Protein backbone atom coordinates (compact mmCIF):
# COMPACT_ATOMS: atom_id res chain seq x y z
CA MET A 1 21.22 -20.25 6.34
CA ASN A 2 21.04 -19.86 10.14
CA HIS A 3 20.12 -16.34 11.19
CA SER A 4 20.58 -16.72 14.94
CA SER A 5 23.27 -14.02 15.23
CA PHE A 6 21.06 -11.39 13.60
CA LEU A 7 18.13 -12.46 15.77
CA GLN A 8 20.27 -12.25 18.88
CA ILE A 9 20.85 -8.57 18.16
CA ALA A 10 17.35 -7.79 16.88
CA LEU A 11 15.62 -9.43 19.88
CA THR A 12 17.57 -7.26 22.32
CA LYS A 13 15.48 -4.62 24.05
CA GLY A 14 16.36 -1.17 22.74
CA VAL A 15 17.37 -2.43 19.27
CA GLY A 16 14.82 -1.32 16.69
CA ASP A 17 14.81 -0.65 12.96
CA ALA A 18 16.92 2.50 13.32
CA ALA A 19 19.67 0.57 15.10
CA ILE A 20 19.51 -2.26 12.53
CA LYS A 21 19.93 0.29 9.74
CA ARG A 22 22.91 1.78 11.56
CA ILE A 23 24.48 -1.68 11.84
CA LEU A 24 23.88 -2.41 8.17
CA ASP A 25 25.54 0.90 7.25
CA PHE A 26 28.50 -0.05 9.44
CA PHE A 27 28.73 -3.48 7.77
CA SER A 28 28.67 -1.86 4.32
CA ARG A 29 31.76 0.18 5.24
CA ASN A 30 33.60 -2.63 7.05
CA ALA A 31 34.02 -5.78 4.98
CA ASP A 32 35.17 -7.89 7.94
CA ALA A 33 32.18 -7.05 10.12
CA SER A 34 29.32 -9.54 10.47
CA TRP A 35 26.42 -10.43 12.74
CA ASP A 36 28.48 -13.27 14.22
CA LEU A 37 31.34 -10.91 15.05
CA LEU A 38 29.00 -8.27 16.49
CA CYS A 39 27.47 -10.84 18.84
CA SER A 40 30.89 -11.74 20.26
CA ASP A 41 32.78 -8.42 20.11
CA VAL A 42 31.84 -6.23 23.08
CA THR A 43 34.04 -3.39 21.85
CA MET A 44 32.13 -3.29 18.56
CA GLN A 45 28.83 -3.44 20.44
CA LYS A 46 29.78 -0.47 22.60
CA MET A 47 30.78 1.54 19.56
CA ILE A 48 27.60 0.80 17.62
CA PHE A 49 25.26 1.18 20.56
CA LYS A 50 27.02 4.33 21.84
CA ASN A 51 28.15 2.74 25.12
CA LYS A 52 24.62 1.86 26.22
CA GLN A 53 25.63 -0.80 28.69
CA GLU A 54 22.11 -2.14 29.17
CA ILE A 55 21.93 -3.11 25.48
CA VAL A 56 25.41 -4.63 25.55
CA ASP A 57 24.56 -6.67 28.65
CA ASN A 58 21.29 -7.92 27.17
CA ILE A 59 22.73 -9.13 23.85
CA ALA A 60 24.28 -12.23 25.41
CA LEU A 61 20.98 -13.05 27.15
CA GLN A 62 19.19 -13.48 23.81
CA LYS A 63 21.40 -16.27 22.48
CA ALA A 64 19.21 -19.25 23.37
CA GLU A 65 16.01 -17.55 22.21
CA ALA A 66 17.67 -16.52 18.94
CA HIS A 67 18.76 -20.11 18.25
CA ARG A 68 15.27 -21.40 18.98
CA ILE A 69 13.63 -18.99 16.52
CA ALA A 70 16.34 -19.56 13.90
CA ASP A 71 15.62 -23.29 14.07
CA ARG A 72 11.92 -22.62 13.50
CA LEU A 73 12.73 -20.44 10.49
CA GLU A 74 14.93 -23.12 8.99
CA LYS A 75 12.36 -25.86 9.51
CA ASN A 76 9.71 -23.73 7.80
CA ASN A 77 11.93 -22.75 4.84
CA ILE A 78 11.75 -19.06 5.73
CA ASN A 79 14.45 -16.74 4.43
CA LEU A 80 15.80 -13.34 5.45
CA ILE A 81 17.09 -10.50 3.29
CA PHE A 82 18.64 -7.19 4.28
CA TYR A 83 18.43 -3.80 2.60
CA TYR A 84 21.84 -4.15 0.97
CA ASP A 85 21.25 -7.67 -0.36
CA GLU A 86 20.92 -8.24 -4.10
CA LEU A 87 17.53 -9.91 -3.61
CA TYR A 88 16.03 -6.96 -1.70
CA PRO A 89 13.17 -5.68 -3.89
CA LYS A 90 14.39 -2.87 -6.16
CA LYS A 91 10.87 -1.53 -6.52
CA LEU A 92 10.66 -1.07 -2.76
CA LYS A 93 13.85 0.98 -2.74
CA ARG A 94 12.59 3.17 -5.58
CA THR A 95 9.30 3.93 -3.87
CA LEU A 96 10.24 4.19 -0.18
CA GLY A 97 13.94 5.10 -0.30
CA ALA A 98 15.28 5.58 3.22
CA LYS A 99 11.90 4.51 4.67
CA CYS A 100 12.43 0.92 3.51
CA PRO A 101 12.40 -1.76 6.24
CA PRO A 102 16.01 -2.78 6.98
CA TYR A 103 15.15 -6.48 6.71
CA LEU A 104 12.40 -8.72 5.38
CA PHE A 105 11.48 -12.29 6.24
CA TYR A 106 9.88 -14.18 3.39
CA LYS A 107 8.59 -17.53 2.23
CA GLY A 108 7.78 -18.33 -1.37
CA ASN A 109 8.85 -16.85 -4.68
CA ILE A 110 10.87 -13.68 -3.94
CA ASP A 111 11.09 -12.91 -7.67
CA LEU A 112 7.44 -11.81 -7.51
CA ALA A 113 8.52 -8.76 -5.52
CA ASP A 114 9.85 -7.11 -8.69
CA LYS A 115 7.09 -8.28 -11.01
CA SER A 116 4.49 -5.84 -12.43
CA SER A 117 1.94 -5.53 -9.65
CA ALA A 118 -1.06 -3.76 -8.20
CA GLY A 119 -1.67 -3.33 -4.49
CA PHE A 120 -5.17 -3.52 -3.03
CA CYS A 121 -6.54 -1.77 0.02
CA GLY A 122 -10.11 -1.79 1.26
CA SER A 123 -12.39 -2.27 4.18
CA ARG A 124 -12.43 -5.46 6.24
CA THR A 125 -16.21 -4.96 6.28
CA ALA A 126 -16.57 -4.12 2.60
CA SER A 127 -20.01 -4.16 1.00
CA GLN A 128 -21.04 -7.00 -1.30
CA LYS A 129 -20.59 -4.58 -4.20
CA GLY A 130 -17.05 -3.75 -3.06
CA ILE A 131 -16.14 -7.42 -2.68
CA ALA A 132 -17.46 -8.19 -6.17
CA ILE A 133 -15.42 -5.32 -7.67
CA ALA A 134 -12.27 -6.38 -5.81
CA ARG A 135 -12.72 -9.92 -7.13
CA ASP A 136 -13.25 -8.69 -10.69
CA CYS A 137 -10.27 -6.29 -10.62
CA ALA A 138 -7.88 -8.88 -9.19
CA GLY A 139 -9.06 -11.49 -11.69
CA GLN A 140 -8.52 -9.15 -14.62
CA LEU A 141 -5.04 -8.25 -13.37
CA ALA A 142 -4.07 -11.90 -12.94
CA LYS A 143 -5.15 -12.69 -16.50
CA ASN A 144 -2.87 -9.86 -17.65
CA ASN A 145 0.12 -11.27 -15.75
CA ILE A 146 0.06 -8.57 -13.06
CA ALA A 147 0.67 -9.74 -9.51
CA VAL A 148 -1.85 -8.81 -6.80
CA ILE A 149 -0.52 -7.50 -3.49
CA SER A 150 -2.53 -7.02 -0.33
CA GLY A 151 -2.49 -7.38 3.43
CA TYR A 152 -4.06 -10.84 3.95
CA ALA A 153 -6.89 -9.46 6.07
CA LYS A 154 -10.55 -10.37 5.71
CA GLY A 155 -12.73 -8.45 3.29
CA VAL A 156 -11.06 -6.83 0.27
CA ASP A 157 -7.59 -8.23 0.98
CA ILE A 158 -8.36 -11.93 1.01
CA THR A 159 -10.82 -11.51 -1.87
CA ALA A 160 -8.09 -10.00 -4.04
CA HIS A 161 -5.56 -12.70 -3.10
CA GLU A 162 -8.04 -15.49 -3.80
CA ALA A 163 -9.21 -14.04 -7.12
CA ALA A 164 -5.63 -13.72 -8.38
CA LEU A 165 -4.87 -17.35 -7.56
CA LEU A 166 -8.14 -18.66 -9.01
CA ASN A 167 -7.28 -16.92 -12.28
CA SER A 168 -3.84 -18.58 -12.48
CA GLY A 169 -2.13 -15.40 -11.29
CA ASP A 170 0.42 -14.50 -8.64
CA THR A 171 -0.06 -12.83 -5.28
CA ILE A 172 1.99 -11.35 -2.45
CA PHE A 173 0.73 -11.56 1.13
CA VAL A 174 2.12 -8.64 3.15
CA LEU A 175 1.82 -9.54 6.83
CA ALA A 176 1.04 -7.42 9.85
CA GLU A 177 2.60 -10.02 12.14
CA GLY A 178 5.70 -12.16 12.31
CA ILE A 179 5.98 -14.70 9.52
CA LEU A 180 5.98 -17.62 12.00
CA GLU A 181 2.61 -16.46 13.35
CA VAL A 182 0.67 -16.56 10.09
CA ALA A 183 -1.66 -19.38 9.08
CA GLN A 184 -2.65 -20.33 5.53
CA LYS A 185 -6.29 -19.34 5.21
CA LYS A 186 -8.92 -21.63 3.73
CA GLU A 187 -9.63 -19.23 0.86
CA VAL A 188 -6.14 -19.69 -0.60
CA VAL A 189 -4.49 -22.79 0.85
CA GLY A 190 -5.57 -25.11 -1.95
CA CYS A 191 -4.33 -22.74 -4.65
CA LEU A 192 -0.74 -22.21 -3.56
CA THR A 193 2.19 -23.54 -5.57
CA ASN A 194 5.92 -23.00 -5.17
CA GLU A 195 5.89 -20.24 -7.80
CA ASN A 196 2.64 -18.29 -7.49
CA HIS A 197 2.90 -16.60 -4.10
CA LEU A 198 5.10 -14.82 -1.59
CA PHE A 199 4.56 -14.30 2.14
CA ILE A 200 6.58 -11.34 3.39
CA SER A 201 6.96 -9.59 6.74
CA GLN A 202 9.00 -6.67 8.04
CA PHE A 203 8.53 -7.79 11.65
CA LEU A 204 10.42 -10.22 13.86
CA PRO A 205 9.28 -13.80 13.21
CA GLU A 206 7.13 -14.29 16.31
CA ALA A 207 5.72 -10.75 16.53
CA ALA A 208 1.99 -10.76 17.24
CA TRP A 209 -0.57 -8.92 15.12
CA HIS A 210 -1.56 -5.51 16.39
CA ALA A 211 -3.08 -2.39 14.87
CA GLY A 212 0.20 -0.49 14.83
CA ASN A 213 1.86 -3.20 12.77
CA ALA A 214 -1.11 -3.24 10.39
CA MET A 215 -0.63 0.47 9.80
CA ARG A 216 3.12 0.07 9.30
CA ARG A 217 2.76 -2.70 6.74
CA ASN A 218 0.73 -0.33 4.53
CA SER A 219 4.03 1.18 3.44
CA LEU A 220 5.29 -2.23 2.36
CA ILE A 221 2.17 -2.90 0.27
CA ILE A 222 2.54 0.50 -1.40
CA GLY A 223 6.25 0.15 -1.90
CA LEU A 224 6.00 -3.26 -3.57
CA SER A 225 3.25 -2.15 -5.95
CA ASP A 226 3.40 -0.25 -9.23
CA VAL A 227 -0.08 1.15 -8.56
CA MET A 228 -2.52 1.00 -5.67
CA ILE A 229 -6.23 0.26 -6.03
CA LEU A 230 -8.48 1.55 -3.26
CA VAL A 231 -11.74 -0.36 -3.30
CA GLU A 232 -13.67 1.01 -0.34
CA SER A 233 -12.58 3.38 2.42
CA GLY A 234 -14.27 4.94 5.38
CA LYS A 235 -13.13 8.27 6.79
CA THR A 236 -10.84 6.64 9.35
CA GLY A 237 -8.86 3.42 9.74
CA GLY A 238 -6.22 1.49 7.87
CA THR A 239 -7.55 1.90 4.35
CA PHE A 240 -7.95 5.66 4.81
CA ALA A 241 -4.35 5.83 6.08
CA ALA A 242 -3.10 3.71 3.15
CA GLY A 243 -4.82 5.96 0.64
CA ASN A 244 -3.34 9.11 2.15
CA GLU A 245 0.12 7.55 2.35
CA THR A 246 -0.05 6.50 -1.29
CA LEU A 247 -0.86 10.07 -2.33
CA SER A 248 1.84 11.51 -0.06
CA LEU A 249 4.41 9.31 -1.83
CA ASN A 250 3.16 10.54 -5.25
CA HIS A 251 2.43 6.91 -6.01
CA PRO A 252 -0.40 6.13 -8.47
CA LEU A 253 -3.67 5.65 -6.56
CA PHE A 254 -6.71 4.32 -8.38
CA VAL A 255 -10.04 4.62 -6.63
CA ILE A 256 -13.27 2.79 -7.39
CA ASP A 257 -15.71 5.50 -8.44
CA PHE A 258 -19.10 4.31 -7.22
CA ALA A 259 -22.19 5.98 -8.62
CA GLN A 260 -23.75 5.52 -5.18
CA PRO A 261 -21.06 4.73 -2.57
CA GLU A 262 -21.97 2.48 0.34
CA VAL A 263 -21.13 3.66 3.86
CA SER A 264 -17.98 1.50 3.67
CA ALA A 265 -16.87 3.59 0.64
CA ILE A 266 -17.82 7.00 1.95
CA ALA A 267 -14.26 8.35 1.61
CA ASN A 268 -13.79 7.23 -2.01
CA PRO A 269 -14.92 10.63 -3.41
CA TYR A 270 -12.47 12.35 -1.05
CA PHE A 271 -9.54 10.41 -2.50
CA ILE A 272 -10.63 11.18 -6.06
CA SER A 273 -10.81 14.88 -5.14
CA LYS A 274 -7.25 14.67 -3.77
CA GLY A 275 -5.78 13.24 -6.96
CA GLY A 276 -6.84 9.61 -6.96
CA LEU A 277 -7.55 8.27 -10.45
CA PRO A 278 -11.15 7.03 -10.75
CA ILE A 279 -11.93 3.53 -11.91
CA LYS A 280 -15.32 3.47 -13.56
CA GLY A 281 -17.15 0.53 -15.01
CA LYS A 282 -19.88 -0.61 -17.32
CA ASN A 283 -22.53 -3.15 -16.43
CA GLY A 284 -20.73 -3.77 -13.14
CA THR A 285 -17.35 -4.53 -14.74
CA PRO A 286 -14.51 -2.19 -13.72
CA ASN A 287 -12.49 -0.72 -16.57
CA LEU A 288 -8.77 -1.09 -15.81
CA THR A 289 -7.40 0.39 -19.05
CA GLU A 290 -5.76 3.30 -17.19
CA VAL A 291 -4.22 0.91 -14.65
CA TYR A 292 -2.47 -1.02 -17.40
CA SER A 293 -1.19 2.19 -19.01
CA ILE A 294 0.43 3.63 -15.91
CA ARG A 295 2.24 0.63 -14.39
CA VAL A 296 5.99 1.09 -14.56
CA SER A 297 7.64 -2.31 -14.03
């Protein structure tokens, strides 16, 4: 399916997620409305964009760029779903509600988005101990048919993705950039099949990585997961933010309970004190019994 009409609107300066949600609400109440019609109907544009002439004028200017990107999406077998589509992950709606992204670009097996799953967050500069625990946890989950979700960054993220795949499991890569900007990393590229993975992004297809997007995608990782596992967190940064957001959503947060935390895990005791559920282990093997008991999908 060609998505150039949607892209023509979404690429327009001044049109963000709030405006896209407003358009989707309008479409849900008006059966004849569509992205194609919105691109061509100036009266509809003025109504939706509250007579902001600059936005209306700029919509037509995005047509060629929208077609170019739509062609790239089609050539790369990348799909698009909106909040009201049947394929939009139900789990995401349950967890995030009105905070859900209005659209998602994806490539791979979208059915994994509603499979039993655990999200991973942890330092990009995790200790060797933290990396080993992330690998063990993800491997155990994969063997128990639980998908592993993480943010495709170095450190804990890529370790969890790789361990899931090496143990014949499934994984979801939640991107902090546009889906056309991502590269398949050496740790996972040889393990991917048509069924065992999903790349997913809430950003426009050619959006570049930046720290703000990395923070925003935390919500998507949390929302797609049944539980979150925090491996190592410092007192600031993306993992710390993800842990706090998980707790604020009353979403199950499991925290690796180190007997002697490394500097990269200095905030782990803080999260346990705030309601995080400790994961302990024996002989270096994390015990995930409580994780299995609390998952809801």
